Amino acid sequence: MSSDEKPQARFVTVGAESDGQRIDNYLRTELKGAPKSLVYRILRTGEVRVNKGRAKPETRVHTGDVVRIPPLRLSEEVPVRVGSSLEETLAKAVRFEDERLLVIDKPAGLAVHAGSGVKVGVIEALRALRPETPGLELAHRLDRETSGVLVLAKDRPTLMALHELFRGDTAKKTYLALVKGHWPSGLREVDAPLEKGTVRGGERLVEVRGDGKPSRTLFKVVKELGAATLVEASPITGRTHQIRVHAQYKNHPIAGDDKYGDAEFDRSLKQHGLNRLLLHAARIELTPFKLRVEAALPAELQAVVDALSSR
C-alpha cells in the first residue's frame, strides 16, 4: 500500500483452524505486527464486528463467521531471515512429524520464541521455513538454555488438544538434570508453591512462596556421581523454572544454573567441560496420541556425566 492510499476495512471468513478462538487472539494472528494495545483499542471502540455484531475481547469466533476488521495502517512487517546454519540445525533436530504434530530436539541456547533481545526463536524460524504450515504453534515451552524434546502443533484443534493433555495426567514430560550433592533416594516429590518474585539483573526470578501457585515435581535418582547426582525430574504442573527452583529449594541446585545455582559447585564442574545448564528434556509421552519421543543427552553433557562417573 502506498503512503497516500487510504486503508480499507476487511471482511474475513473464519476458517476451521480458528474455530472457538477468542477474537483478541484471532485478531493478533490476522494483524501480524500489530501491538496488543491496538488490538484492544479497536475492540473497545466497537470497530470490530462478528457477523455484523459488536465484538468484545472475550467473544469467540467459529467456522464460517465473518469478521470485520477496521481500516488500519500497519508498518510493513519485516520478513524473518533464517540463516543456513539455523536451517540445517532445525532440519536435523526433527524427531517426529505427522499431519498434526512436529517434535524437535531443541538445542541449548536457542530460544523457543522471539523477545527480550531475541529476534528469531524456534517458532519464528520454523514458520519462515514452513510457509505451507501457517498454523504452526508451540504446544509448550523450554527455557532457552534447556535442550531436548519440544512439541509443536500444526493446527489449532491439535494445539487445543495438547493444552488439555498438559493440564491433565495423560502427558508426561521427563527431564534429566545433574544436581549438587547426594539427592536422597527417598525424596521423590517436591510440592512447593511457586511465584515470580524478586528482580535481579532486570529479570524477575521465581521463588517458593506460601501464596504461590500449586507446583509439583517428581524426582528419581538415576546415578550417584560423588559430589553430584544425575536425576530424572517429571513436572506435574508447568510453572516457569519449576524444576530449577524445586531443586534449589531442596538444596540441590542444578549444575550450570546461573539463576538458581551454586557458583562454587559450577566452578568445580568446569574442569569437566560444563559450560551450560545441565537440564535436558529427555522424553515426552502423549498417551492419546500414542506418541513417545526421546532425545539423548547432548554429547557435551554426556561427557560431563562420563567424567564424573570415572572418578
Protein backbone atom coordinates (compact mmCIF):
# COMPACT_ATOMS: atom_id res chain seq x y z
CA MET A 1 0.00 0.00 0.00
CA SER A 2 1.38 3.42 -0.93
CA SER A 3 1.65 6.12 1.72
CA ASP A 4 -1.25 8.14 0.22
CA GLU A 5 -3.57 5.18 -0.30
CA LYS A 6 -6.38 5.04 2.25
CA PRO A 7 -6.66 1.68 4.05
CA GLN A 8 -9.98 -0.14 3.74
CA ALA A 9 -11.96 -2.31 6.14
CA ARG A 10 -11.50 -6.04 5.60
CA PHE A 11 -14.05 -8.82 5.91
CA VAL A 12 -12.51 -12.17 6.80
CA THR A 13 -14.26 -15.54 6.99
CA VAL A 14 -13.11 -17.66 9.93
CA GLY A 15 -11.57 -20.98 8.94
CA ALA A 16 -11.91 -24.31 10.77
CA GLU A 17 -8.41 -23.95 12.24
CA SER A 18 -9.62 -20.94 14.29
CA ASP A 19 -12.92 -22.40 15.49
CA GLY A 20 -13.54 -21.46 19.12
CA GLN A 21 -10.69 -18.94 19.33
CA ARG A 22 -11.11 -15.69 21.23
CA ILE A 23 -11.45 -12.69 18.93
CA ASP A 24 -8.50 -10.85 20.50
CA ASN A 25 -6.18 -13.78 19.76
CA TYR A 26 -7.71 -14.18 16.29
CA LEU A 27 -7.02 -10.53 15.50
CA ARG A 28 -3.42 -10.78 16.66
CA THR A 29 -2.96 -13.57 14.12
CA GLU A 30 -4.68 -11.64 11.33
CA LEU A 31 -2.92 -8.36 12.16
CA LYS A 32 0.66 -9.58 12.26
CA GLY A 33 2.91 -6.90 13.69
CA ALA A 34 0.09 -5.03 15.42
CA PRO A 35 0.73 -4.20 19.10
CA LYS A 36 -1.70 -5.60 21.67
CA SER A 37 -2.75 -2.07 22.59
CA LEU A 38 -4.07 -1.51 19.07
CA VAL A 39 -5.99 -4.80 19.04
CA TYR A 40 -7.74 -3.96 22.30
CA ARG A 41 -8.39 -0.37 21.25
CA ILE A 42 -10.33 -1.36 18.13
CA LEU A 43 -12.27 -3.90 20.20
CA ARG A 44 -13.03 -1.37 22.92
CA THR A 45 -14.27 1.22 20.43
CA GLY A 46 -16.58 -1.28 18.71
CA GLU A 47 -14.82 -1.17 15.35
CA VAL A 48 -14.55 -4.96 15.15
CA ARG A 49 -17.71 -6.84 14.17
CA VAL A 50 -18.52 -10.55 14.05
CA ASN A 51 -21.49 -11.34 11.80
CA LYS A 52 -22.34 -7.61 11.96
CA GLY A 53 -22.48 -7.66 15.77
CA ARG A 54 -20.10 -5.72 18.00
CA ALA A 55 -17.29 -7.92 19.36
CA LYS A 56 -15.80 -7.89 22.85
CA PRO A 57 -12.33 -9.28 23.70
CA GLU A 58 -13.90 -12.45 25.13
CA THR A 59 -16.08 -13.07 22.06
CA ARG A 60 -15.25 -16.40 20.43
CA VAL A 61 -15.29 -16.90 16.68
CA HIS A 62 -16.47 -20.03 14.89
CA THR A 63 -16.02 -21.57 11.48
CA GLY A 64 -17.86 -19.51 8.85
CA ASP A 65 -18.19 -16.35 10.95
CA VAL A 66 -17.47 -13.12 9.08
CA VAL A 67 -15.19 -10.73 10.94
CA ARG A 68 -14.99 -7.04 10.04
CA ILE A 69 -11.51 -5.66 10.65
CA PRO A 70 -11.46 -1.84 10.55
CA PRO A 71 -9.12 0.12 8.28
CA LEU A 72 -5.64 0.20 9.81
CA ARG A 73 -2.24 1.32 8.64
CA LEU A 74 0.39 -1.03 10.00
CA SER A 75 4.09 -0.73 9.45
CA GLU A 76 5.28 -3.20 6.85
CA GLU A 77 6.24 -6.48 8.50
CA VAL A 78 9.93 -7.32 8.29
CA PRO A 79 10.34 -10.88 6.99
CA VAL A 80 12.12 -13.32 9.28
CA ARG A 81 15.53 -14.25 7.93
CA VAL A 82 16.77 -17.73 8.78
CA GLY A 83 20.46 -18.39 8.18
CA SER A 84 21.63 -21.61 6.57
CA SER A 85 23.22 -22.76 9.82
CA LEU A 86 19.97 -22.44 11.81
CA GLU A 87 18.02 -24.02 8.95
CA GLU A 88 20.34 -27.04 8.97
CA THR A 89 20.21 -27.28 12.76
CA LEU A 90 16.41 -27.32 12.82
CA ALA A 91 16.23 -29.85 9.97
CA LYS A 92 18.50 -32.23 11.91
CA ALA A 93 16.53 -31.62 15.12
CA VAL A 94 13.26 -33.20 13.90
CA ARG A 95 12.44 -36.33 15.92
CA PHE A 96 8.84 -36.94 14.83
CA GLU A 97 6.38 -35.47 12.36
CA ASP A 98 2.93 -36.27 11.04
CA GLU A 99 -0.04 -34.25 9.75
CA ARG A 100 -0.77 -32.82 13.22
CA LEU A 101 2.49 -32.71 15.17
CA LEU A 102 6.10 -31.68 14.84
CA VAL A 103 8.53 -32.73 17.58
CA ILE A 104 12.11 -31.49 17.66
CA ASP A 105 15.18 -31.91 19.86
CA LYS A 106 15.79 -28.24 20.67
CA PRO A 107 19.44 -27.26 21.03
CA ALA A 108 20.51 -25.37 24.15
CA GLY A 109 20.96 -21.63 23.65
CA LEU A 110 18.09 -21.36 21.17
CA ALA A 111 15.00 -19.53 22.49
CA VAL A 112 11.63 -21.02 21.63
CA HIS A 113 10.28 -17.60 20.60
CA ALA A 114 11.45 -14.04 19.98
CA GLY A 115 11.55 -11.45 22.76
CA SER A 116 13.88 -10.00 25.40
CA GLY A 117 16.54 -9.19 22.83
CA VAL A 118 15.97 -12.38 20.80
CA LYS A 119 14.96 -11.59 17.21
CA VAL A 120 14.30 -15.12 16.00
CA GLY A 121 13.30 -18.14 18.06
CA VAL A 122 12.31 -21.68 17.15
CA ILE A 123 8.73 -20.82 16.26
CA GLU A 124 9.56 -17.81 14.07
CA ALA A 125 12.28 -19.75 12.23
CA LEU A 126 10.06 -22.79 11.60
CA ARG A 127 7.17 -20.64 10.36
CA ALA A 128 9.54 -18.93 7.93
CA LEU A 129 10.94 -22.28 6.76
CA ARG A 130 7.50 -23.90 6.51
CA PRO A 131 5.13 -21.34 4.95
CA GLU A 132 2.85 -24.20 3.93
CA THR A 133 2.05 -24.72 7.65
CA PRO A 134 0.67 -21.33 8.76
CA GLY A 135 -0.98 -22.78 11.89
CA LEU A 136 2.30 -23.92 13.49
CA GLU A 137 2.33 -23.12 17.24
CA LEU A 138 4.32 -24.08 20.33
CA ALA A 139 2.42 -26.60 22.44
CA HIS A 140 4.65 -25.84 25.45
CA ARG A 141 7.95 -24.10 26.18
CA LEU A 142 11.50 -24.83 27.22
CA ASP A 143 13.92 -22.37 28.80
CA ARG A 144 16.49 -21.02 26.37
CA GLU A 145 19.37 -22.96 28.00
CA THR A 146 17.37 -26.18 28.31
CA SER A 147 17.80 -28.68 25.48
CA GLY A 148 15.55 -31.52 24.43
CA VAL A 149 12.09 -32.55 23.31
CA LEU A 150 9.81 -29.70 22.18
CA VAL A 151 6.33 -30.29 20.74
CA LEU A 152 4.62 -28.05 18.18
CA ALA A 153 1.09 -28.29 16.82
CA LYS A 154 0.30 -27.77 13.14
CA ASP A 155 -3.29 -26.57 13.61
CA ARG A 156 -5.47 -25.04 16.27
CA PRO A 157 -7.58 -28.15 17.13
CA THR A 158 -4.38 -30.10 17.79
CA LEU A 159 -2.99 -27.21 19.84
CA MET A 160 -6.12 -27.13 22.00
CA ALA A 161 -5.98 -30.92 22.46
CA LEU A 162 -2.33 -30.71 23.54
CA HIS A 163 -3.05 -27.90 26.00
CA GLU A 164 -5.75 -30.09 27.54
CA LEU A 165 -3.31 -33.00 27.82
CA PHE A 166 -0.69 -30.87 29.53
CA ARG A 167 -3.29 -29.70 32.05
CA GLY A 168 -4.19 -33.30 32.89
CA ASP A 169 -2.28 -36.50 33.59
CA THR A 170 -2.12 -38.04 30.11
CA ALA A 171 1.03 -36.19 29.09
CA LYS A 172 4.29 -36.97 30.83
CA LYS A 173 7.48 -34.92 30.48
CA THR A 174 10.74 -36.34 31.82
CA TYR A 175 13.93 -34.31 32.21
CA LEU A 176 17.48 -35.27 33.10
CA ALA A 177 19.31 -32.96 35.48
CA LEU A 178 22.67 -33.02 37.24
CA VAL A 179 22.23 -31.64 40.76
CA LYS A 180 24.63 -30.75 43.54
CA GLY A 181 25.29 -33.28 46.26
CA HIS A 182 23.65 -36.55 47.21
CA TRP A 183 19.96 -36.48 46.31
CA PRO A 184 18.14 -38.72 48.83
CA SER A 185 16.52 -41.69 47.09
CA GLY A 186 13.51 -41.23 49.37
CA LEU A 187 12.92 -37.66 48.17
CA ARG A 188 10.57 -38.49 45.33
CA GLU A 189 8.35 -35.41 45.23
CA VAL A 190 8.68 -31.70 45.82
CA ASP A 191 5.36 -29.98 46.41
CA ALA A 192 6.09 -26.29 46.93
CA PRO A 193 4.04 -23.32 45.61
CA LEU A 194 5.87 -21.02 43.22
CA GLU A 195 5.51 -17.35 42.37
CA LYS A 196 7.51 -14.81 40.40
CA GLY A 197 9.29 -12.70 42.98
CA THR A 198 12.44 -10.62 43.26
CA VAL A 199 14.07 -8.87 40.31
CA ARG A 200 17.76 -9.44 39.61
CA GLY A 201 19.59 -8.07 36.62
CA GLY A 202 16.35 -6.89 35.06
CA GLU A 203 14.78 -10.35 35.21
CA ARG A 204 12.16 -11.50 37.67
CA LEU A 205 13.12 -14.71 39.47
CA VAL A 206 10.76 -17.45 40.63
CA GLU A 207 10.67 -18.36 44.32
CA VAL A 208 8.86 -20.69 46.71
CA ARG A 209 6.10 -18.72 48.45
CA GLY A 210 3.16 -19.76 50.57
CA ASP A 211 0.80 -17.67 48.43
CA GLY A 212 2.23 -19.01 45.16
CA LYS A 213 0.67 -21.30 42.58
CA PRO A 214 0.50 -25.04 43.42
CA SER A 215 3.56 -26.74 41.92
CA ARG A 216 4.64 -30.40 41.99
CA THR A 217 7.70 -32.15 40.58
CA LEU A 218 8.56 -35.84 40.86
CA PHE A 219 12.23 -36.81 41.20
CA LYS A 220 14.06 -40.11 40.76
CA VAL A 221 17.76 -40.85 41.26
CA VAL A 222 19.41 -42.16 38.10
CA LYS A 223 23.05 -42.28 39.17
CA GLU A 224 25.21 -41.21 42.10
CA LEU A 225 28.25 -39.28 40.88
CA GLY A 226 30.18 -38.41 44.02
CA ALA A 227 29.61 -34.73 44.68
CA ALA A 228 26.68 -34.72 42.25
CA THR A 229 23.61 -36.80 41.34
CA LEU A 230 22.00 -37.42 37.98
CA VAL A 231 18.22 -37.35 38.47
CA GLU A 232 15.06 -37.64 36.44
CA ALA A 233 12.57 -34.83 37.04
CA SER A 234 8.94 -35.03 35.94
CA PRO A 235 6.93 -31.81 36.39
CA ILE A 236 3.27 -32.45 37.20
CA THR A 237 2.45 -28.75 36.91
CA GLY A 238 4.04 -26.41 34.39
CA ARG A 239 5.32 -23.34 36.22
CA THR A 240 8.17 -21.15 34.98
CA HIS A 241 11.59 -22.54 36.04
CA GLN A 242 9.76 -25.14 38.13
CA ILE A 243 12.36 -27.94 38.15
CA ARG A 244 15.22 -25.50 38.71
CA VAL A 245 13.56 -23.78 41.68
CA HIS A 246 12.33 -27.02 43.28
CA ALA A 247 15.85 -28.47 43.08
CA GLN A 248 17.30 -25.32 44.64
CA TYR A 249 14.61 -25.36 47.34
CA LYS A 250 15.84 -28.78 48.46
CA ASN A 251 19.46 -27.51 48.49
CA HIS A 252 20.39 -29.50 45.38
CA PRO A 253 20.65 -26.80 42.67
CA ILE A 254 21.13 -27.85 39.07
CA ALA A 255 24.64 -27.66 37.63
CA GLY A 256 25.33 -24.64 35.43
CA ASP A 257 22.26 -22.71 36.56
CA ASP A 258 23.23 -19.03 36.51
CA LYS A 259 19.94 -18.01 38.17
CA TYR A 260 19.34 -20.55 40.91
CA GLY A 261 22.64 -22.45 41.05
CA ASP A 262 25.70 -22.72 43.24
CA ALA A 263 28.72 -20.84 41.82
CA GLU A 264 31.33 -22.94 43.64
CA PHE A 265 29.73 -26.20 42.50
CA ASP A 266 29.63 -24.92 38.92
CA ARG A 267 33.29 -23.92 39.01
CA SER A 268 34.23 -27.43 40.10
CA LEU A 269 32.49 -28.85 37.05
CA LYS A 270 34.13 -26.55 34.52
CA GLN A 271 37.22 -28.75 34.58
CA HIS A 272 34.98 -31.48 33.14
CA GLY A 273 33.78 -29.22 30.35
CA LEU A 274 30.47 -27.99 31.75
CA ASN A 275 29.62 -24.59 30.28
CA ARG A 276 25.83 -24.62 30.29
CA LEU A 277 22.78 -25.62 32.31
CA LEU A 278 22.70 -29.39 32.69
CA LEU A 279 18.94 -29.76 32.27
CA HIS A 280 17.62 -31.73 29.31
CA ALA A 281 14.07 -32.62 28.23
CA ALA A 282 14.78 -36.30 27.60
CA ARG A 283 11.35 -37.77 26.94
CA ILE A 284 7.71 -36.91 26.35
CA GLU A 285 4.77 -39.31 26.32
CA LEU A 286 1.39 -38.30 24.90
CA THR A 287 -0.91 -41.24 25.58
CA PRO A 288 -3.96 -40.17 23.48
CA PHE A 289 -1.64 -39.54 20.50
CA LYS A 290 0.09 -42.90 21.11
CA LEU A 291 3.35 -40.99 20.98
CA ARG A 292 6.60 -41.36 22.90
CA VAL A 293 9.62 -39.35 21.76
CA GLU A 294 13.08 -39.42 23.31
CA ALA A 295 16.12 -37.22 22.87
CA ALA A 296 19.53 -38.44 24.00
CA LEU A 297 21.60 -36.33 26.36
CA PRO A 298 23.72 -34.00 24.17
CA ALA A 299 27.32 -35.09 23.72
CA GLU A 300 28.78 -32.20 25.74
CA LEU A 301 26.54 -33.06 28.71
CA GLN A 302 27.13 -36.80 28.41
CA ALA A 303 30.87 -36.09 28.51
CA VAL A 304 30.45 -34.35 31.89
CA VAL A 305 28.44 -37.28 33.29
CA ASP A 306 31.04 -39.76 31.97
CA ALA A 307 33.88 -37.76 33.51
CA LEU A 308 32.19 -37.77 36.91
CA SER A 309 31.43 -41.50 36.58
CA SER A 310 35.09 -42.32 36.01
CA ARG A 311 36.30 -40.52 39.13
